[in-house]
């Protein structure tokens, strides 16, 4: 069982930055793919980014992003701290959503099965 707790959300003006954190319980954090998703009001939850577990040996550092955040968001993980981060720069009003972190036993994928989810943290970007 993995428990995930997000933090770092808040309100910011367009063009600003926020860094989300997600701390995981348990001693197997490094073996999970960690992902970030978001859900805006009235919309379906969508994939944002994911980072592969420590065993990943593929190209690209085992990181994937949805197109709308490429070049603006950065995902990273600190396995010693059981934490995954989402650095969000040049934020836009359309980034407003509840952001969730999630853990998967599979390799990074926007549509893969994510087994554990956090409770979410609100990000609001004003114009």
C-alpha atoms as a PDB file:
ATOM      1  CA  UNK A   1       0.000   0.000   0.000  1.00  0.00           C
ATOM      2  CA  UNK A   2       1.266   3.455  -0.939  1.00  0.00           C
ATOM      3  CA  UNK A   3      -0.142   6.690   0.446  1.00  0.00           C
ATOM      4  CA  UNK A   4       0.459   9.910  -1.448  1.00  0.00           C
ATOM      5  CA  UNK A   5       0.160  13.431  -0.086  1.00  0.00           C
ATOM      6  CA  UNK A   6       0.419  16.441  -2.386  1.00  0.00           C
ATOM      7  CA  UNK A   7       1.289  19.988  -1.395  1.00  0.00           C
ATOM      8  CA  UNK A   8       2.384  23.231  -2.977  1.00  0.00           C
ATOM      9  CA  UNK A   9      -0.776  24.317  -4.714  1.00  0.00           C
ATOM     10  CA  UNK A  10      -2.058  27.857  -4.542  1.00  0.00           C
ATOM     11  CA  UNK A  11      -3.069  30.916  -6.495  1.00  0.00           C
ATOM     12  CA  UNK A  12      -0.729  32.666  -8.887  1.00  0.00           C
ATOM     13  CA  UNK A  13      -0.962  35.151 -11.725  1.00  0.00           C
ATOM     14  CA  UNK A  14      -0.415  34.115 -15.301  1.00  0.00           C
ATOM     15  CA  UNK A  15       3.283  33.819 -16.069  1.00  0.00           C
ATOM     16  CA  UNK A  16       4.124  32.807 -12.523  1.00  0.00           C
ATOM     17  CA  UNK A  17       5.507  29.573 -11.125  1.00  0.00           C
ATOM     18  CA  UNK A  18       4.601  26.955  -8.564  1.00  0.00           C
ATOM     19  CA  UNK A  19       6.257  23.749  -7.429  1.00  0.00           C
ATOM     20  CA  UNK A  20       4.086  20.859  -6.376  1.00  0.00           C
ATOM     21  CA  UNK A  21       5.395  18.105  -4.130  1.00  0.00           C
ATOM     22  CA  UNK A  22       4.071  14.641  -3.496  1.00  0.00           C
ATOM     23  CA  UNK A  23       5.410  12.587  -0.605  1.00  0.00           C
ATOM     24  CA  UNK A  24       4.867   8.838  -0.645  1.00  0.00           C
ATOM     25  CA  UNK A  25       4.762   6.433   2.247  1.00  0.00           C
ATOM     26  CA  UNK A  26       6.438   3.059   2.131  1.00  0.00           C
ATOM     27  CA  UNK A  27       9.875   1.755   1.226  1.00  0.00           C
ATOM     28  CA  UNK A  28       9.182   0.875  -2.401  1.00  0.00           C
ATOM     29  CA  UNK A  29       8.772   4.394  -3.798  1.00  0.00           C
ATOM     30  CA  UNK A  30      11.745   4.064  -6.141  1.00  0.00           C
ATOM     31  CA  UNK A  31      10.170   1.081  -7.896  1.00  0.00           C
ATOM     32  CA  UNK A  32       7.054   2.988  -9.008  1.00  0.00           C
ATOM     33  CA  UNK A  33       6.417   5.203 -11.975  1.00  0.00           C
ATOM     34  CA  UNK A  34       5.187   8.505 -10.549  1.00  0.00           C
ATOM     35  CA  UNK A  35       2.756  10.657 -12.458  1.00  0.00           C
ATOM     36  CA  UNK A  36       0.920  13.944 -12.210  1.00  0.00           C
ATOM     37  CA  UNK A  37      -2.631  14.408 -13.456  1.00  0.00           C
ATOM     38  CA  UNK A  38      -5.026  17.327 -13.292  1.00  0.00           C
ATOM     39  CA  UNK A  39      -8.746  17.895 -13.432  1.00  0.00           C
ATOM     40  CA  UNK A  40     -10.323  21.226 -14.245  1.00  0.00           C
ATOM     41  CA  UNK A  41     -13.927  22.032 -13.320  1.00  0.00           C
ATOM     42  CA  UNK A  42     -16.332  20.319 -15.671  1.00  0.00           C
ATOM     43  CA  UNK A  43     -13.571  18.424 -17.451  1.00  0.00           C
ATOM     44  CA  UNK A  44     -12.173  14.945 -17.321  1.00  0.00           C
ATOM     45  CA  UNK A  45      -8.967  14.207 -15.518  1.00  0.00           C
ATOM     46  CA  UNK A  46      -5.973  14.460 -17.830  1.00  0.00           C
ATOM     47  CA  UNK A  47      -2.402  13.259 -17.768  1.00  0.00           C
ATOM     48  CA  UNK A  48       0.294  15.882 -17.200  1.00  0.00           C
ATOM     49  CA  UNK A  49       3.646  14.155 -16.731  1.00  0.00           C
ATOM     50  CA  UNK A  50       5.280  10.982 -15.475  1.00  0.00           C
ATOM     51  CA  UNK A  51       8.744   9.809 -14.479  1.00  0.00           C
ATOM     52  CA  UNK A  52      10.019   6.249 -14.598  1.00  0.00           C
ATOM     53  CA  UNK A  53      11.189   4.210 -11.614  1.00  0.00           C
ATOM     54  CA  UNK A  54      14.827   3.771 -10.735  1.00  0.00           C
ATOM     55  CA  UNK A  55      15.186   0.599 -12.807  1.00  0.00           C
ATOM     56  CA  UNK A  56      14.410   2.454 -16.066  1.00  0.00           C
ATOM     57  CA  UNK A  57      17.139   2.205 -18.653  1.00  0.00           C
ATOM     58  CA  UNK A  58      15.429   3.639 -21.720  1.00  0.00           C
ATOM     59  CA  UNK A  59      16.063   6.864 -23.585  1.00  0.00           C
ATOM     60  CA  UNK A  60      14.747  10.285 -22.642  1.00  0.00           C
ATOM     61  CA  UNK A  61      15.354   9.811 -18.945  1.00  0.00           C
ATOM     62  CA  UNK A  62      12.077   7.950 -18.603  1.00  0.00           C
ATOM     63  CA  UNK A  63      10.055  11.177 -18.556  1.00  0.00           C
ATOM     64  CA  UNK A  64       6.985  12.019 -20.587  1.00  0.00           C
ATOM     65  CA  UNK A  65       4.740  15.101 -20.752  1.00  0.00           C
ATOM     66  CA  UNK A  66       1.484  16.016 -22.307  1.00  0.00           C
ATOM     67  CA  UNK A  67       2.024  18.437 -25.185  1.00  0.00           C
ATOM     68  CA  UNK A  68       0.368  21.425 -23.529  1.00  0.00           C
ATOM     69  CA  UNK A  69       2.973  21.582 -20.743  1.00  0.00           C
ATOM     70  CA  UNK A  70       6.162  20.707 -22.634  1.00  0.00           C
ATOM     71  CA  UNK A  71       8.787  23.371 -22.145  1.00  0.00           C
ATOM     72  CA  UNK A  72       6.935  24.860 -19.160  1.00  0.00           C
ATOM     73  CA  UNK A  73       6.639  22.037 -16.606  1.00  0.00           C
ATOM     74  CA  UNK A  74       9.339  19.759 -15.226  1.00  0.00           C
ATOM     75  CA  UNK A  75       8.833  16.523 -13.305  1.00  0.00           C
ATOM     76  CA  UNK A  76      11.532  15.110 -11.066  1.00  0.00           C
ATOM     77  CA  UNK A  77      11.878  12.683  -8.202  1.00  0.00           C
ATOM     78  CA  UNK A  78      14.047  12.325  -5.133  1.00  0.00           C
ATOM     79  CA  UNK A  79      13.992   8.670  -4.172  1.00  0.00           C
ATOM     80  CA  UNK A  80      15.870   9.332  -0.928  1.00  0.00           C
ATOM     81  CA  UNK A  81      12.995  11.580   0.163  1.00  0.00           C
ATOM     82  CA  UNK A  82      10.179   9.500  -1.360  1.00  0.00           C
ATOM     83  CA  UNK A  83       9.096  12.640  -3.175  1.00  0.00           C
ATOM     84  CA  UNK A  84       8.100  13.576  -6.692  1.00  0.00           C
ATOM     85  CA  UNK A  85       7.954  17.189  -7.817  1.00  0.00           C
ATOM     86  CA  UNK A  86       6.216  19.122 -10.537  1.00  0.00           C
ATOM     87  CA  UNK A  87       7.843  22.450 -11.305  1.00  0.00           C
ATOM     88  CA  UNK A  88       5.354  24.602 -13.187  1.00  0.00           C
ATOM     89  CA  UNK A  89       6.619  27.713 -14.960  1.00  0.00           C
ATOM     90  CA  UNK A  90       4.947  30.261 -17.231  1.00  0.00           C
ATOM     91  CA  UNK A  91       1.590  29.230 -15.872  1.00  0.00           C
ATOM     92  CA  UNK A  92      -1.541  29.984 -17.864  1.00  0.00           C
ATOM     93  CA  UNK A  93      -5.170  30.331 -16.761  1.00  0.00           C
ATOM     94  CA  UNK A  94      -5.917  27.068 -18.552  1.00  0.00           C
ATOM     95  CA  UNK A  95      -3.566  25.302 -16.124  1.00  0.00           C
ATOM     96  CA  UNK A  96      -6.109  25.921 -13.376  1.00  0.00           C
ATOM     97  CA  UNK A  97      -7.121  22.541 -11.953  1.00  0.00           C
ATOM     98  CA  UNK A  98      -6.814  20.163  -9.058  1.00  0.00           C
ATOM     99  CA  UNK A  99      -3.495  18.388  -9.463  1.00  0.00           C
ATOM    100  CA  UNK A 100      -3.097  14.785  -8.374  1.00  0.00           C
ATOM    101  CA  UNK A 101      -0.043  12.613  -8.067  1.00  0.00           C
ATOM    102  CA  UNK A 102      -0.287   8.912  -8.717  1.00  0.00           C
ATOM    103  CA  UNK A 103       1.877   5.803  -8.576  1.00  0.00           C
ATOM    104  CA  UNK A 104       2.000   3.013 -11.117  1.00  0.00           C
ATOM    105  CA  UNK A 105       3.723  -0.359 -11.263  1.00  0.00           C
ATOM    106  CA  UNK A 106       3.985   0.015 -15.045  1.00  0.00           C
ATOM    107  CA  UNK A 107       6.397   2.127 -17.051  1.00  0.00           C
ATOM    108  CA  UNK A 108       5.400   5.749 -17.793  1.00  0.00           C
ATOM    109  CA  UNK A 109       2.292   6.086 -19.886  1.00  0.00           C
ATOM    110  CA  UNK A 110      -0.503   8.673 -20.140  1.00  0.00           C
ATOM    111  CA  UNK A 111      -3.079   5.905 -20.279  1.00  0.00           C
ATOM    112  CA  UNK A 112      -1.566   3.252 -18.064  1.00  0.00           C
ATOM    113  CA  UNK A 113      -3.021   1.962 -14.839  1.00  0.00           C
ATOM    114  CA  UNK A 114      -2.116   4.038 -11.840  1.00  0.00           C
ATOM    115  CA  UNK A 115      -2.643   2.089  -8.664  1.00  0.00           C
ATOM    116  CA  UNK A 116      -2.468   4.787  -5.993  1.00  0.00           C
ATOM    117  CA  UNK A 117      -3.656   8.389  -5.923  1.00  0.00           C
ATOM    118  CA  UNK A 118      -3.256  11.388  -3.693  1.00  0.00           C
ATOM    119  CA  UNK A 119      -6.052  13.652  -2.557  1.00  0.00           C
ATOM    120  CA  UNK A 120      -5.125  16.511  -4.871  1.00  0.00           C
ATOM    121  CA  UNK A 121      -3.980  20.086  -4.509  1.00  0.00           C
ATOM    122  CA  UNK A 122      -5.653  23.102  -6.098  1.00  0.00           C
ATOM    123  CA  UNK A 123      -3.795  25.307  -8.549  1.00  0.00           C
ATOM    124  CA  UNK A 124      -5.476  28.518  -9.648  1.00  0.00           C
ATOM    125  CA  UNK A 125      -3.963  30.777 -12.294  1.00  0.00           C
ATOM    126  CA  UNK A 126      -5.512  34.189 -12.804  1.00  0.00           C
ATOM    127  CA  UNK A 127      -5.136  36.317 -15.898  1.00  0.00           C
END
